[in-house]
Amino acid sequence: MRYVLLAAFCVSVISTSNAHAQIKVVVTSKPAQSLVASVMGETGIPGVLVSGAASPHTYAMKPSDGQAVNRATVFFRISEGLEPFTKKLAKSLPKSVRLVSLQETPGLNVVDRREGGAFEAHGHDDHKADAQGGGTKAGKRAAEAEDETDPHVWLDPRNAILMIDYIATVLGEADPANASTYKSNAATAKSKLQALDQEMERELKPYAGKAFIVLHDAYQYFERRFGLTAVGSIAVNPETAPSGKRLSALRKKIADAGVACVFAEPGMQPKVVAAVIEGSSAKSVLQDPEATRLSPGPNLYEDLMRGLVNGVKQCFDPK
């Protein structure tokens, strides 16, 4: 019954559910859909393309996805870098569909991808931030250097708060009759995320500086916001097996840096994670930065972020 209900939800979200809704909205992936849903509220339910256990990095569109997007008023994505399947789609969209890349949110903090298996130490105040430049710099980076920008921008709650404002502005422009509703919903959502950000800061403070390794380099924004210390990633990307040289470097890093924890991810190379920690005292914990195990909806973002906090606590301070 659970799977039938979820399937019904995923189908129903392609169109708005409120008879008075003025627009149809489709979003690529679940974290972004959660933020959009919190702004739309009762005006409608935004559709989500990458549902279930699929990853936005490797998603292959179905014909029904293209049809849903072509009927939309607004199509939200994080970026072409996170969701490469949108590159071709973006070029063929009807003029009636507004494409919005949330990585271009005015004021958003964006950082470059890290290179190599073992990361160099970084400061937590050296974001390549766009706070003084509005959305111009972020848009230029997204367009001209997409392959250099780390696209996991939602994993800093302060970025999510900025995206909430941007989403409300976009929806208000597309649907002026409901603009005040979007603005009010955004204010409520931002208040909840500000409280979440403070909660996470308190919960994660005891783990600042403790070394860990990740399966793929998805956590940089999370680390920087909360003073955490990832010292390497196992895979170049979630679908590519690491080289023997990379694994050897990470095993050495575990020994040299006293790594206590490795972040695994659902369905992604569990044998490789086991091989990296074999013979060491490090343990692994399952994290889900792309919300593959969560059901879409306005509460998903908070559940996702609290899940990451709980994973850190389980890994470093098991009870």
C-alpha atoms as a PDB file:
ATOM      1  CA  MET A   1       0.000   0.000   0.000  1.00  0.00           C
ATOM      2  CA  ARG A   2       2.880   2.392   0.816  1.00  0.00           C
ATOM      3  CA  TYR A   3       4.341   2.062  -2.668  1.00  0.00           C
ATOM      4  CA  VAL A   4       0.940   2.524  -4.326  1.00  0.00           C
ATOM      5  CA  LEU A   5       0.401   5.743  -2.408  1.00  0.00           C
ATOM      6  CA  LEU A   6       3.868   7.029  -3.249  1.00  0.00           C
ATOM      7  CA  ALA A   7       3.398   6.218  -6.910  1.00  0.00           C
ATOM      8  CA  ALA A   8       0.078   8.023  -6.893  1.00  0.00           C
ATOM      9  CA  PHE A   9       1.733  11.054  -5.289  1.00  0.00           C
ATOM     10  CA  CYS A  10       4.520  11.178  -7.874  1.00  0.00           C
ATOM     11  CA  VAL A  11       1.968  11.120 -10.687  1.00  0.00           C
ATOM     12  CA  SER A  12      -0.311  13.674  -9.094  1.00  0.00           C
ATOM     13  CA  VAL A  13       2.408  16.245  -8.480  1.00  0.00           C
ATOM     14  CA  ILE A  14       2.859  16.886 -12.198  1.00  0.00           C
ATOM     15  CA  SER A  15      -0.139  19.222 -12.145  1.00  0.00           C
ATOM     16  CA  THR A  16      -1.396  21.622  -9.508  1.00  0.00           C
ATOM     17  CA  SER A  17      -4.029  20.281  -7.147  1.00  0.00           C
ATOM     18  CA  ASN A  18      -5.854  23.517  -6.332  1.00  0.00           C
ATOM     19  CA  ALA A  19      -8.609  24.625  -8.673  1.00  0.00           C
ATOM     20  CA  HIS A  20      -7.616  28.269  -8.121  1.00  0.00           C
ATOM     21  CA  ALA A  21      -3.937  27.750  -8.890  1.00  0.00           C
ATOM     22  CA  GLN A  22      -2.691  29.915 -11.732  1.00  0.00           C
ATOM     23  CA  ILE A  23       0.475  28.108 -12.677  1.00  0.00           C
ATOM     24  CA  LYS A  24       1.975  24.663 -13.168  1.00  0.00           C
ATOM     25  CA  VAL A  25       5.411  24.068 -11.661  1.00  0.00           C
ATOM     26  CA  VAL A  26       7.879  21.231 -12.200  1.00  0.00           C
ATOM     27  CA  VAL A  27      11.148  20.752 -10.274  1.00  0.00           C
ATOM     28  CA  THR A  28      14.057  18.452 -11.080  1.00  0.00           C
ATOM     29  CA  SER A  29      15.089  16.914  -7.758  1.00  0.00           C
ATOM     30  CA  LYS A  30      13.595  16.373  -4.314  1.00  0.00           C
ATOM     31  CA  PRO A  31      15.566  18.859  -2.159  1.00  0.00           C
ATOM     32  CA  ALA A  32      14.671  21.698  -4.536  1.00  0.00           C
ATOM     33  CA  GLN A  33      11.080  20.472  -4.842  1.00  0.00           C
ATOM     34  CA  SER A  34      10.745  20.638  -1.070  1.00  0.00           C
ATOM     35  CA  LEU A  35      11.751  24.294  -1.022  1.00  0.00           C
ATOM     36  CA  VAL A  36       9.391  25.138  -3.888  1.00  0.00           C
ATOM     37  CA  ALA A  37       6.544  23.226  -2.230  1.00  0.00           C
ATOM     38  CA  SER A  38       7.003  25.193   0.990  1.00  0.00           C
ATOM     39  CA  VAL A  39       6.564  28.451  -0.940  1.00  0.00           C
ATOM     40  CA  MET A  40       3.602  27.266  -3.022  1.00  0.00           C
ATOM     41  CA  GLY A  41       1.705  25.953  -0.019  1.00  0.00           C
ATOM     42  CA  GLU A  42      -1.971  25.374  -0.819  1.00  0.00           C
ATOM     43  CA  THR A  43      -1.776  27.018  -4.240  1.00  0.00           C
ATOM     44  CA  GLY A  44      -0.553  23.744  -5.758  1.00  0.00           C
ATOM     45  CA  ILE A  45       1.869  20.849  -5.612  1.00  0.00           C
ATOM     46  CA  PRO A  46       5.041  21.174  -7.712  1.00  0.00           C
ATOM     47  CA  GLY A  47       5.952  18.122  -9.759  1.00  0.00           C
ATOM     48  CA  VAL A  48       9.284  16.371  -9.246  1.00  0.00           C
ATOM     49  CA  LEU A  49      11.177  14.518 -11.969  1.00  0.00           C
ATOM     50  CA  VAL A  50      13.955  12.718 -10.030  1.00  0.00           C
ATOM     51  CA  SER A  51      11.900  10.690  -7.577  1.00  0.00           C
ATOM     52  CA  GLY A  52      12.424   7.421  -5.746  1.00  0.00           C
ATOM     53  CA  ALA A  53      16.038   6.322  -5.335  1.00  0.00           C
ATOM     54  CA  ALA A  54      17.275   7.995  -8.526  1.00  0.00           C
ATOM     55  CA  SER A  55      20.220  10.415  -8.449  1.00  0.00           C
ATOM     56  CA  PRO A  56      20.093  13.776 -10.251  1.00  0.00           C
ATOM     57  CA  HIS A  57      23.675  13.157 -11.401  1.00  0.00           C
ATOM     58  CA  THR A  58      22.711  10.168 -13.551  1.00  0.00           C
ATOM     59  CA  TYR A  59      18.962  10.512 -14.124  1.00  0.00           C
ATOM     60  CA  ALA A  60      17.620   9.613 -17.579  1.00  0.00           C
ATOM     61  CA  MET A  61      14.402  11.388 -18.524  1.00  0.00           C
ATOM     62  CA  LYS A  62      11.236   9.554 -19.520  1.00  0.00           C
ATOM     63  CA  PRO A  63       8.970  10.847 -22.322  1.00  0.00           C
ATOM     64  CA  SER A  64       6.370  11.779 -19.699  1.00  0.00           C
ATOM     65  CA  ASP A  65       8.946  14.017 -17.993  1.00  0.00           C
ATOM     66  CA  GLY A  66       9.453  16.052 -21.140  1.00  0.00           C
ATOM     67  CA  GLN A  67       5.718  16.392 -21.610  1.00  0.00           C
ATOM     68  CA  ALA A  68       5.255  17.592 -18.027  1.00  0.00           C
ATOM     69  CA  VAL A  69       8.025  20.163 -18.324  1.00  0.00           C
ATOM     70  CA  ASN A  70       6.711  21.442 -21.660  1.00  0.00           C
ATOM     71  CA  ARG A  71       3.308  22.069 -20.038  1.00  0.00           C
ATOM     72  CA  ALA A  72       4.809  23.899 -17.064  1.00  0.00           C
ATOM     73  CA  THR A  73       4.767  27.605 -16.415  1.00  0.00           C
ATOM     74  CA  VAL A  74       7.998  27.429 -14.400  1.00  0.00           C
ATOM     75  CA  PHE A  75      10.660  24.706 -14.437  1.00  0.00           C
ATOM     76  CA  PHE A  76      13.091  24.807 -11.497  1.00  0.00           C
ATOM     77  CA  ARG A  77      16.433  23.019 -11.379  1.00  0.00           C
ATOM     78  CA  ILE A  78      19.518  23.384  -9.202  1.00  0.00           C
ATOM     79  CA  SER A  79      21.966  23.597 -12.097  1.00  0.00           C
ATOM     80  CA  GLU A  80      23.109  21.873 -15.241  1.00  0.00           C
ATOM     81  CA  GLY A  81      26.137  20.660 -13.293  1.00  0.00           C
ATOM     82  CA  LEU A  82      24.005  18.741 -10.800  1.00  0.00           C
ATOM     83  CA  GLU A  83      21.368  17.665 -13.312  1.00  0.00           C
ATOM     84  CA  PRO A  84      23.117  17.149 -16.658  1.00  0.00           C
ATOM     85  CA  PHE A  85      19.972  15.634 -18.139  1.00  0.00           C
ATOM     86  CA  THR A  86      18.525  19.163 -18.230  1.00  0.00           C
ATOM     87  CA  LYS A  87      21.127  20.489 -20.688  1.00  0.00           C
ATOM     88  CA  LYS A  88      19.405  19.190 -23.791  1.00  0.00           C
ATOM     89  CA  LEU A  89      15.965  19.784 -22.342  1.00  0.00           C
ATOM     90  CA  ALA A  90      16.700  23.447 -21.651  1.00  0.00           C
ATOM     91  CA  LYS A  91      17.510  24.058 -25.307  1.00  0.00           C
ATOM     92  CA  SER A  92      14.152  22.709 -26.481  1.00  0.00           C
ATOM     93  CA  LEU A  93      11.773  24.282 -23.967  1.00  0.00           C
ATOM     94  CA  PRO A  94       8.798  26.206 -25.323  1.00  0.00           C
ATOM     95  CA  LYS A  95       8.945  29.956 -24.815  1.00  0.00           C
ATOM     96  CA  SER A  96       5.996  29.601 -22.451  1.00  0.00           C
ATOM     97  CA  VAL A  97       8.183  27.759 -19.904  1.00  0.00           C
ATOM     98  CA  ARG A  98      10.465  29.784 -17.638  1.00  0.00           C
ATOM     99  CA  LEU A  99      13.634  27.877 -16.733  1.00  0.00           C
ATOM    100  CA  VAL A 100      15.046  28.827 -13.312  1.00  0.00           C
ATOM    101  CA  SER A 101      18.423  27.569 -12.056  1.00  0.00           C
ATOM    102  CA  LEU A 102      18.483  27.932  -8.284  1.00  0.00           C
ATOM    103  CA  GLN A 103      22.285  28.018  -8.297  1.00  0.00           C
ATOM    104  CA  GLU A 104      21.816  31.502  -9.787  1.00  0.00           C
ATOM    105  CA  THR A 105      19.933  32.725  -6.716  1.00  0.00           C
ATOM    106  CA  PRO A 106      21.035  36.293  -5.860  1.00  0.00           C
ATOM    107  CA  GLY A 107      23.582  36.328  -3.034  1.00  0.00           C
ATOM    108  CA  LEU A 108      24.119  32.569  -3.022  1.00  0.00           C
ATOM    109  CA  ASN A 109      27.409  31.249  -1.643  1.00  0.00           C
ATOM    110  CA  VAL A 110      29.069  28.986  -4.199  1.00  0.00           C
ATOM    111  CA  VAL A 111      32.389  27.148  -4.002  1.00  0.00           C
ATOM    112  CA  ASP A 112      34.517  25.254  -6.494  1.00  0.00           C
ATOM    113  CA  ARG A 113      34.651  21.495  -6.664  1.00  0.00           C
ATOM    114  CA  ARG A 114      37.591  19.934  -4.851  1.00  0.00           C
ATOM    115  CA  GLU A 115      40.086  17.802  -6.730  1.00  0.00           C
ATOM    116  CA  GLY A 116      41.785  14.553  -5.816  1.00  0.00           C
ATOM    117  CA  GLY A 117      40.941  11.904  -3.271  1.00  0.00           C
ATOM    118  CA  ALA A 118      42.605  13.580  -0.293  1.00  0.00           C
ATOM    119  CA  PHE A 119      41.439  17.145   0.354  1.00  0.00           C
ATOM    120  CA  GLU A 120      43.701  19.930   1.485  1.00  0.00           C
ATOM    121  CA  ALA A 121      42.665  21.799   4.606  1.00  0.00           C
ATOM    122  CA  HIS A 122      40.405  24.753   3.926  1.00  0.00           C
ATOM    123  CA  GLY A 123      39.115  27.680   5.932  1.00  0.00           C
ATOM    124  CA  HIS A 124      35.432  28.047   6.640  1.00  0.00           C
ATOM    125  CA  ASP A 125      35.276  31.729   5.735  1.00  0.00           C
ATOM    126  CA  ASP A 126      36.720  31.574   2.218  1.00  0.00           C
ATOM    127  CA  HIS A 127      33.537  30.956   0.246  1.00  0.00           C
ATOM    128  CA  LYS A 128      33.539  32.355  -3.236  1.00  0.00           C
ATOM    129  CA  ALA A 129      30.470  34.238  -2.144  1.00  0.00           C
ATOM    130  CA  ASP A 130      28.226  36.423  -4.258  1.00  0.00           C
ATOM    131  CA  ALA A 131      26.692  38.306  -1.380  1.00  0.00           C
ATOM    132  CA  GLN A 132      27.897  41.657  -2.699  1.00  0.00           C
ATOM    133  CA  GLY A 133      27.296  40.914  -6.359  1.00  0.00           C
ATOM    134  CA  GLY A 134      23.699  39.763  -6.443  1.00  0.00           C
ATOM    135  CA  GLY A 135      23.000  36.941  -8.864  1.00  0.00           C
ATOM    136  CA  THR A 136      25.320  38.179 -11.605  1.00  0.00           C
ATOM    137  CA  LYS A 137      28.469  36.379 -10.541  1.00  0.00           C
ATOM    138  CA  ALA A 138      26.633  33.186  -9.651  1.00  0.00           C
ATOM    139  CA  GLY A 139      24.932  33.191 -13.035  1.00  0.00           C
ATOM    140  CA  LYS A 140      28.206  33.766 -14.840  1.00  0.00           C
ATOM    141  CA  ARG A 141      29.888  30.961 -12.899  1.00  0.00           C
ATOM    142  CA  ALA A 142      27.006  28.616 -13.630  1.00  0.00           C
ATOM    143  CA  ALA A 143      27.049  29.408 -17.336  1.00  0.00           C
ATOM    144  CA  GLU A 144      30.793  29.610 -17.963  1.00  0.00           C
ATOM    145  CA  ALA A 145      32.339  27.297 -15.372  1.00  0.00           C
ATOM    146  CA  GLU A 146      29.634  24.796 -14.525  1.00  0.00           C
ATOM    147  CA  ASP A 147      32.131  21.960 -14.362  1.00  0.00           C
ATOM    148  CA  GLU A 148      34.160  23.841 -11.721  1.00  0.00           C
ATOM    149  CA  THR A 149      31.316  24.725  -9.351  1.00  0.00           C
ATOM    150  CA  ASP A 150      30.201  22.395  -6.577  1.00  0.00           C
ATOM    151  CA  PRO A 151      26.445  22.128  -7.246  1.00  0.00           C
ATOM    152  CA  HIS A 152      25.301  20.763  -3.850  1.00  0.00           C
ATOM    153  CA  VAL A 153      24.349  24.270  -2.746  1.00  0.00           C
ATOM    154  CA  TRP A 154      21.255  23.278  -0.731  1.00  0.00           C
ATOM    155  CA  LEU A 155      23.370  21.608   1.973  1.00  0.00           C
ATOM    156  CA  ASP A 156      24.018  24.985   3.600  1.00  0.00           C
ATOM    157  CA  PRO A 157      20.701  26.070   5.177  1.00  0.00           C
ATOM    158  CA  ARG A 158      21.642  29.713   4.631  1.00  0.00           C
ATOM    159  CA  ASN A 159      21.676  29.022   0.906  1.00  0.00           C
ATOM    160  CA  ALA A 160      18.282  27.331   1.197  1.00  0.00           C
ATOM    161  CA  ILE A 161      16.922  30.448   2.902  1.00  0.00           C
ATOM    162  CA  LEU A 162      18.137  32.605   0.023  1.00  0.00           C
ATOM    163  CA  MET A 163      16.614  30.193  -2.480  1.00  0.00           C
ATOM    164  CA  ILE A 164      13.259  30.449  -0.693  1.00  0.00           C
ATOM    165  CA  ASP A 165      13.216  34.201  -1.367  1.00  0.00           C
ATOM    166  CA  TYR A 166      14.199  33.699  -5.002  1.00  0.00           C
ATOM    167  CA  ILE A 167      11.526  31.041  -5.505  1.00  0.00           C
ATOM    168  CA  ALA A 168       8.874  33.377  -4.053  1.00  0.00           C
ATOM    169  CA  THR A 169       9.969  36.161  -6.396  1.00  0.00           C
ATOM    170  CA  VAL A 170       9.870  33.892  -9.457  1.00  0.00           C
ATOM    171  CA  LEU A 171       6.466  32.455  -8.574  1.00  0.00           C
ATOM    172  CA  GLY A 172       5.075  35.907  -7.823  1.00  0.00           C
ATOM    173  CA  GLU A 173       6.195  37.131 -11.236  1.00  0.00           C
ATOM    174  CA  ALA A 174       4.651  34.118 -12.947  1.00  0.00           C
ATOM    175  CA  ASP A 175       1.431  34.290 -10.896  1.00  0.00           C
ATOM    176  CA  PRO A 176       0.811  37.848  -9.637  1.00  0.00           C
ATOM    177  CA  ALA A 177      -2.629  36.929  -8.264  1.00  0.00           C
ATOM    178  CA  ASN A 178      -0.940  34.712  -5.647  1.00  0.00           C
ATOM    179  CA  ALA A 179       2.198  36.809  -5.125  1.00  0.00           C
ATOM    180  CA  SER A 180       1.221  37.828  -1.589  1.00  0.00           C
ATOM    181  CA  THR A 181       0.578  34.184  -0.684  1.00  0.00           C
ATOM    182  CA  TYR A 182       4.009  33.143  -1.958  1.00  0.00           C
ATOM    183  CA  LYS A 183       5.619  35.971  -0.006  1.00  0.00           C
ATOM    184  CA  SER A 184       3.805  34.980   3.198  1.00  0.00           C
ATOM    185  CA  ASN A 185       4.638  31.292   2.747  1.00  0.00           C
ATOM    186  CA  ALA A 186       8.265  32.188   2.103  1.00  0.00           C
ATOM    187  CA  ALA A 187       8.444  34.176   5.341  1.00  0.00           C
ATOM    188  CA  THR A 188       7.104  31.177   7.284  1.00  0.00           C
ATOM    189  CA  ALA A 189       9.486  28.778   5.537  1.00  0.00           C
ATOM    190  CA  LYS A 190      12.491  31.039   6.167  1.00  0.00           C
ATOM    191  CA  SER A 191      11.663  31.293   9.851  1.00  0.00           C
ATOM    192  CA  LYS A 192      11.607  27.486  10.097  1.00  0.00           C
ATOM    193  CA  LEU A 193      14.908  27.168   8.249  1.00  0.00           C
ATOM    194  CA  GLN A 194      16.573  29.815  10.391  1.00  0.00           C
ATOM    195  CA  ALA A 195      15.559  27.828  13.474  1.00  0.00           C
ATOM    196  CA  LEU A 196      16.803  24.645  11.795  1.00  0.00           C
ATOM    197  CA  ASP A 197      20.149  26.273  11.002  1.00  0.00           C
ATOM    198  CA  GLN A 198      20.624  27.309  14.639  1.00  0.00           C
ATOM    199  CA  GLU A 199      19.573  23.855  15.849  1.00  0.00           C
ATOM    200  CA  MET A 200      22.090  22.190  13.537  1.00  0.00           C
ATOM    201  CA  GLU A 201      24.842  24.540  14.647  1.00  0.00           C
ATOM    202  CA  ARG A 202      24.266  23.570  18.277  1.00  0.00           C
ATOM    203  CA  GLU A 203      24.040  19.857  17.516  1.00  0.00           C
ATOM    204  CA  LEU A 204      27.179  19.752  15.350  1.00  0.00           C
ATOM    205  CA  LYS A 205      29.446  21.991  17.445  1.00  0.00           C
ATOM    206  CA  PRO A 206      30.948  19.054  19.417  1.00  0.00           C
ATOM    207  CA  TYR A 207      32.155  17.440  16.176  1.00  0.00           C
ATOM    208  CA  ALA A 208      34.028  20.396  14.713  1.00  0.00           C
ATOM    209  CA  GLY A 209      37.487  19.380  13.536  1.00  0.00           C
ATOM    210  CA  LYS A 210      36.881  15.623  13.686  1.00  0.00           C
ATOM    211  CA  ALA A 211      38.104  14.007  10.470  1.00  0.00           C
ATOM    212  CA  PHE A 212      35.893  11.968   8.176  1.00  0.00           C
ATOM    213  CA  ILE A 213      35.852  10.716   4.570  1.00  0.00           C
ATOM    214  CA  VAL A 214      32.885  10.830   2.184  1.00  0.00           C
ATOM    215  CA  LEU A 215      31.834   8.514  -0.610  1.00  0.00           C
ATOM    216  CA  HIS A 216      31.487  11.339  -3.121  1.00  0.00           C
ATOM    217  CA  ASP A 217      32.220  14.992  -2.582  1.00  0.00           C
ATOM    218  CA  ALA A 218      28.688  16.215  -1.880  1.00  0.00           C
ATOM    219  CA  TYR A 219      29.108  17.739   1.579  1.00  0.00           C
ATOM    220  CA  GLN A 220      31.340  20.773   1.117  1.00  0.00           C
ATOM    221  CA  TYR A 221      28.616  23.329   1.873  1.00  0.00           C
ATOM    222  CA  PHE A 222      27.497  21.341   4.920  1.00  0.00           C
ATOM    223  CA  GLU A 223      31.092  21.148   6.166  1.00  0.00           C
ATOM    224  CA  ARG A 224      31.851  24.815   5.705  1.00  0.00           C
ATOM    225  CA  ARG A 225      28.675  26.017   7.354  1.00  0.00           C
ATOM    226  CA  PHE A 226      29.146  23.881  10.482  1.00  0.00           C
ATOM    227  CA  GLY A 227      32.933  23.690  10.817  1.00  0.00           C
ATOM    228  CA  LEU A 228      33.229  20.024   9.908  1.00  0.00           C
ATOM    229  CA  THR A 229      36.327  18.420   8.387  1.00  0.00           C
ATOM    230  CA  ALA A 230      36.123  16.042   5.445  1.00  0.00           C
ATOM    231  CA  VAL A 231      39.635  14.955   4.463  1.00  0.00           C
ATOM    232  CA  GLY A 232      38.850  13.039   1.282  1.00  0.00           C
ATOM    233  CA  SER A 233      36.315  11.420  -1.028  1.00  0.00           C
ATOM    234  CA  ILE A 234      36.363   7.830  -2.216  1.00  0.00           C
ATOM    235  CA  ALA A 235      34.838   8.273  -5.672  1.00  0.00           C
ATOM    236  CA  VAL A 236      35.285  10.949  -8.314  1.00  0.00           C
ATOM    237  CA  ASN A 237      31.530  10.676  -8.783  1.00  0.00           C
ATOM    238  CA  PRO A 238      28.922   8.273  -7.388  1.00  0.00           C
ATOM    239  CA  GLU A 239      28.914   6.047 -10.467  1.00  0.00           C
ATOM    240  CA  THR A 240      32.671   5.712 -11.084  1.00  0.00           C
ATOM    241  CA  ALA A 241      34.830   3.236  -9.183  1.00  0.00           C
ATOM    242  CA  PRO A 242      37.955   4.803  -7.635  1.00  0.00           C
ATOM    243  CA  SER A 243      41.432   3.810  -8.746  1.00  0.00           C
ATOM    244  CA  GLY A 244      43.730   1.674  -6.622  1.00  0.00           C
ATOM    245  CA  LYS A 245      45.992   4.699  -6.196  1.00  0.00           C
ATOM    246  CA  ARG A 246      43.109   6.738  -4.809  1.00  0.00           C
ATOM    247  CA  LEU A 247      42.134   3.987  -2.368  1.00  0.00           C
ATOM    248  CA  SER A 248      45.718   3.673  -1.145  1.00  0.00           C
ATOM    249  CA  ALA A 249      45.915   7.424  -0.555  1.00  0.00           C
ATOM    250  CA  LEU A 250      42.679   7.346   1.432  1.00  0.00           C
ATOM    251  CA  ARG A 251      43.793   4.407   3.574  1.00  0.00           C
ATOM    252  CA  LYS A 252      46.937   6.380   4.385  1.00  0.00           C
ATOM    253  CA  LYS A 253      44.797   9.411   5.166  1.00  0.00           C
ATOM    254  CA  ILE A 254      42.691   7.351   7.579  1.00  0.00           C
ATOM    255  CA  ALA A 255      45.824   6.308   9.434  1.00  0.00           C
ATOM    256  CA  ASP A 256      47.615   9.676   9.359  1.00  0.00           C
ATOM    257  CA  ALA A 257      44.617  11.906  10.151  1.00  0.00           C
ATOM    258  CA  GLY A 258      42.972   9.589  12.648  1.00  0.00           C
ATOM    259  CA  VAL A 259      39.822   9.345  10.545  1.00  0.00           C
ATOM    260  CA  ALA A 260      37.022   7.868  12.632  1.00  0.00           C
ATOM    261  CA  CYS A 261      34.171   7.901  10.162  1.00  0.00           C
ATOM    262  CA  VAL A 262      33.299   7.337   6.483  1.00  0.00           C
ATOM    263  CA  PHE A 263      30.023   8.568   4.977  1.00  0.00           C
ATOM    264  CA  ALA A 264      28.460   5.908   2.750  1.00  0.00           C
ATOM    265  CA  GLU A 265      25.402   6.562   0.561  1.00  0.00           C
ATOM    266  CA  PRO A 266      22.360   4.457  -0.375  1.00  0.00           C
ATOM    267  CA  GLY A 267      23.108   1.931  -3.106  1.00  0.00           C
ATOM    268  CA  MET A 268      26.486   3.451  -3.981  1.00  0.00           C
ATOM    269  CA  GLN A 269      29.584   1.225  -3.947  1.00  0.00           C
ATOM    270  CA  PRO A 270      29.178  -0.353  -0.464  1.00  0.00           C
ATOM    271  CA  LYS A 271      32.010  -2.822  -1.122  1.00  0.00           C
ATOM    272  CA  VAL A 272      34.391   0.027  -1.882  1.00  0.00           C
ATOM    273  CA  VAL A 273      33.523   1.762   1.393  1.00  0.00           C
ATOM    274  CA  ALA A 274      34.161  -1.503   3.241  1.00  0.00           C
ATOM    275  CA  ALA A 275      37.528  -1.874   1.480  1.00  0.00           C
ATOM    276  CA  VAL A 276      38.621   1.629   2.484  1.00  0.00           C
ATOM    277  CA  ILE A 277      37.985   1.113   6.205  1.00  0.00           C
ATOM    278  CA  GLU A 278      39.149  -2.517   6.346  1.00  0.00           C
ATOM    279  CA  GLY A 279      41.843  -2.984   8.971  1.00  0.00           C
ATOM    280  CA  SER A 280      41.240   0.419  10.575  1.00  0.00           C
ATOM    281  CA  SER A 281      39.164   1.580  13.527  1.00  0.00           C
ATOM    282  CA  ALA A 282      37.039   3.815  11.286  1.00  0.00           C
ATOM    283  CA  LYS A 283      33.349   3.023  10.940  1.00  0.00           C
ATOM    284  CA  SER A 284      30.849   3.903   8.229  1.00  0.00           C
ATOM    285  CA  VAL A 285      27.413   5.472   8.483  1.00  0.00           C
ATOM    286  CA  LEU A 286      24.795   5.836   5.753  1.00  0.00           C
ATOM    287  CA  GLN A 287      24.110   9.432   4.722  1.00  0.00           C
ATOM    288  CA  ASP A 288      21.629  10.616   2.081  1.00  0.00           C
ATOM    289  CA  PRO A 289      22.564  14.121   0.856  1.00  0.00           C
ATOM    290  CA  GLU A 290      20.316  13.888  -2.222  1.00  0.00           C
ATOM    291  CA  ALA A 291      17.280  12.609  -0.255  1.00  0.00           C
ATOM    292  CA  THR A 292      16.957   9.430  -2.314  1.00  0.00           C
ATOM    293  CA  ARG A 293      15.240   7.617   0.580  1.00  0.00           C
ATOM    294  CA  LEU A 294      12.814  10.424   1.490  1.00  0.00           C
ATOM    295  CA  SER A 295       9.335  11.109   0.118  1.00  0.00           C
ATOM    296  CA  PRO A 296       8.828  14.411  -1.744  1.00  0.00           C
ATOM    297  CA  GLY A 297       7.082  17.271  -0.010  1.00  0.00           C
ATOM    298  CA  PRO A 298       7.562  20.514   1.925  1.00  0.00           C
ATOM    299  CA  ASN A 299       8.985  18.756   5.009  1.00  0.00           C
ATOM    300  CA  LEU A 300      11.654  16.818   3.127  1.00  0.00           C
ATOM    301  CA  TYR A 301      14.340  19.518   3.415  1.00  0.00           C
ATOM    302  CA  GLU A 302      14.219  19.616   7.203  1.00  0.00           C
ATOM    303  CA  ASP A 303      14.145  15.815   7.384  1.00  0.00           C
ATOM    304  CA  LEU A 304      17.147  15.642   5.052  1.00  0.00           C
ATOM    305  CA  MET A 305      19.257  18.054   7.076  1.00  0.00           C
ATOM    306  CA  ARG A 306      18.366  16.502  10.431  1.00  0.00           C
ATOM    307  CA  GLY A 307      19.242  13.131   8.937  1.00  0.00           C
ATOM    308  CA  LEU A 308      22.741  14.388   8.116  1.00  0.00           C
ATOM    309  CA  VAL A 309      23.144  15.661  11.684  1.00  0.00           C
ATOM    310  CA  ASN A 310      22.051  12.327  13.091  1.00  0.00           C
ATOM    311  CA  GLY A 311      24.510  10.537  10.811  1.00  0.00           C
ATOM    312  CA  VAL A 312      27.393  12.625  12.136  1.00  0.00           C
ATOM    313  CA  LYS A 313      26.365  11.909  15.717  1.00  0.00           C
ATOM    314  CA  GLN A 314      26.016   8.172  15.071  1.00  0.00           C
ATOM    315  CA  CYS A 315      29.424   7.998  13.438  1.00  0.00           C
ATOM    316  CA  PHE A 316      31.405   9.942  16.029  1.00  0.00           C
ATOM    317  CA  ASP A 317      29.417   9.435  19.186  1.00  0.00           C
ATOM    318  CA  PRO A 318      27.567   6.096  18.985  1.00  0.00           C
ATOM    319  CA  LYS A 319      25.293   5.309  21.929  1.00  0.00           C
END
